C-alpha atoms as a PDB file:
ATOM      1  CA  MET A   1     -37.521  -2.066  96.836  1.00  0.00           C
ATOM      2  CA  PRO A   2     -37.224   0.618  94.154  1.00  0.00           C
ATOM      3  CA  VAL A   3     -40.255   2.817  93.693  1.00  0.00           C
ATOM      4  CA  ASN A   4     -42.224   2.299  90.488  1.00  0.00           C
ATOM      5  CA  ARG A   5     -42.885   5.878  89.507  1.00  0.00           C
ATOM      6  CA  ASN A   6     -45.972   4.861  87.564  1.00  0.00           C
ATOM      7  CA  GLU A   7     -47.542   3.919  90.903  1.00  0.00           C
ATOM      8  CA  ILE A   8     -46.909   7.270  92.620  1.00  0.00           C
ATOM      9  CA  THR A   9     -50.097   9.259  93.029  1.00  0.00           C
ATOM     10  CA  LYS A  10     -50.410  13.000  92.505  1.00  0.00           C
ATOM     11  CA  ALA A  11     -50.976  13.460  96.238  1.00  0.00           C
ATOM     12  CA  GLN A  12     -47.793  11.526  97.024  1.00  0.00           C
ATOM     13  CA  MET A  13     -45.826  13.618  94.539  1.00  0.00           C
ATOM     14  CA  LEU A  14     -47.122  16.831  96.084  1.00  0.00           C
ATOM     15  CA  LYS A  15     -46.052  15.601  99.519  1.00  0.00           C
ATOM     16  CA  ALA A  16     -42.647  14.544  98.188  1.00  0.00           C
ATOM     17  CA  VAL A  17     -41.830  17.946  96.706  1.00  0.00           C
ATOM     18  CA  THR A  18     -42.443  19.544 100.101  1.00  0.00           C
ATOM     19  CA  CYS A  19     -39.766  17.445 101.804  1.00  0.00           C
ATOM     20  CA  LYS A  20     -36.801  19.476 103.031  1.00  0.00           C
ATOM     21  CA  THR A  21     -34.295  16.607 103.303  1.00  0.00           C
ATOM     22  CA  ALA A  22     -33.651  13.156 101.895  1.00  0.00           C
ATOM     23  CA  VAL A  23     -34.299  11.708 105.366  1.00  0.00           C
ATOM     24  CA  GLU A  24     -37.708  13.392 105.425  1.00  0.00           C
ATOM     25  CA  LEU A  25     -38.414  11.971 101.971  1.00  0.00           C
ATOM     26  CA  GLN A  26     -37.375   8.489 103.134  1.00  0.00           C
ATOM     27  CA  GLU A  27     -39.725   8.780 106.133  1.00  0.00           C
ATOM     28  CA  LEU A  28     -42.559   9.928 103.868  1.00  0.00           C
ATOM     29  CA  ALA A  29     -41.924   7.011 101.509  1.00  0.00           C
ATOM     30  CA  LYS A  30     -42.046   4.586 104.434  1.00  0.00           C
ATOM     31  CA  ALA A  31     -45.308   6.127 105.668  1.00  0.00           C
ATOM     32  CA  GLU A  32     -46.729   5.708 102.148  1.00  0.00           C
ATOM     33  CA  GLY A  33     -45.745   2.025 102.040  1.00  0.00           C
ATOM     34  CA  TYR A  34     -42.479   2.259 100.087  1.00  0.00           C
ATOM     35  CA  ASP A  35     -39.275   0.842 101.508  1.00  0.00           C
ATOM     36  CA  ILE A  36     -36.401   2.851 100.031  1.00  0.00           C
ATOM     37  CA  THR A  37     -32.778   2.995 101.064  1.00  0.00           C
ATOM     38  CA  LYS A  38     -30.998   6.130 102.213  1.00  0.00           C
ATOM     39  CA  GLU A  39     -29.157   6.221  98.891  1.00  0.00           C
ATOM     40  CA  GLU A  40     -32.413   5.926  96.919  1.00  0.00           C
ATOM     41  CA  ALA A  41     -33.977   8.676  99.034  1.00  0.00           C
ATOM     42  CA  GLU A  42     -30.982  10.918  98.366  1.00  0.00           C
ATOM     43  CA  ALA A  43     -31.211  10.265  94.611  1.00  0.00           C
ATOM     44  CA  TYR A  44     -34.973  10.883  94.519  1.00  0.00           C
ATOM     45  CA  PHE A  45     -34.565  13.992  96.673  1.00  0.00           C
ATOM     46  CA  ALA A  46     -31.920  15.397  94.329  1.00  0.00           C
ATOM     47  CA  GLU A  47     -34.225  14.753  91.391  1.00  0.00           C
ATOM     48  CA  ILE A  48     -37.300  16.380  92.902  1.00  0.00           C
ATOM     49  CA  SER A  49     -35.242  19.242  94.313  1.00  0.00           C
ATOM     50  CA  ASP A  50     -34.309  20.142  90.746  1.00  0.00           C
ATOM     51  CA  MET A  51     -37.976  20.356  89.769  1.00  0.00           C
ATOM     52  CA  GLU A  52     -39.341  23.833  89.889  1.00  0.00           C
ATOM     53  CA  LEU A  53     -43.107  23.943  89.917  1.00  0.00           C
ATOM     54  CA  ASP A  54     -44.675  27.313  89.404  1.00  0.00           C
ATOM     55  CA  SER A  55     -48.071  28.045  90.912  1.00  0.00           C
ATOM     56  CA  GLU A  56     -49.869  27.151  87.678  1.00  0.00           C
ATOM     57  CA  LYS A  57     -48.222  23.727  87.482  1.00  0.00           C
ATOM     58  CA  LEU A  58     -49.052  23.080  91.144  1.00  0.00           C
ATOM     59  CA  LYS A  59     -52.693  23.979  90.436  1.00  0.00           C
ATOM     60  CA  GLN A  60     -52.689  21.543  87.515  1.00  0.00           C
ATOM     61  CA  ILE A  61     -51.309  18.741  89.671  1.00  0.00           C
ATOM     62  CA  ALA A  62     -53.731  19.457  92.487  1.00  0.00           C
ATOM     63  CA  GLY A  63     -56.593  19.827  90.010  1.00  0.00           C
ATOM     64  CA  GLY A  64     -55.908  16.493  88.374  1.00  0.00           C
ATOM     65  CA  ILE A  65     -54.771  17.610  84.931  1.00  0.00           C
ATOM     66  CA  GLU A  66     -52.767  14.665  83.646  1.00  0.00           C
ATOM     67  CA  THR A  67     -50.497  16.590  81.280  1.00  0.00           C
ATOM     68  CA  CYS A  68     -48.703  18.327  84.128  1.00  0.00           C
ATOM     69  CA  TYR A  69     -46.637  15.185  84.682  1.00  0.00           C
ATOM     70  CA  ALA A  70     -44.450  16.340  81.813  1.00  0.00           C
ATOM     71  CA  VAL A  71     -43.059  19.101  84.026  1.00  0.00           C
ATOM     72  CA  ASP A  72     -39.884  20.371  82.362  1.00  0.00           C
ATOM     73  CA  GLY A  73     -38.388  16.964  81.697  1.00  0.00           C
ATOM     74  CA  CYS A  74     -39.526  15.558  85.010  1.00  0.00           C
ATOM     75  CA  SER A  75     -39.523  11.774  85.032  1.00  0.00           C
ATOM     76  CA  TRP A  76     -42.550  11.506  87.332  1.00  0.00           C
ATOM     77  CA  HIS A  77     -45.207  10.237  84.924  1.00  0.00           C
END
């Protein structure tokens, strides 16, 4: 089942960007109730690996500021 990115919470996104591998991301997704394939995990991992969040953007995400979802063309909104 593909992940509807509009349903991903800020906490889930913060956890996802800390994953070191696509397998780790797939395991996290499963633990969060999402059933994604290895290929989907690899694609999502490549996408989030390209995101660079500076400390200010991380504070905004953690602090709940909604506008931070527009992180440098990031599609997580």
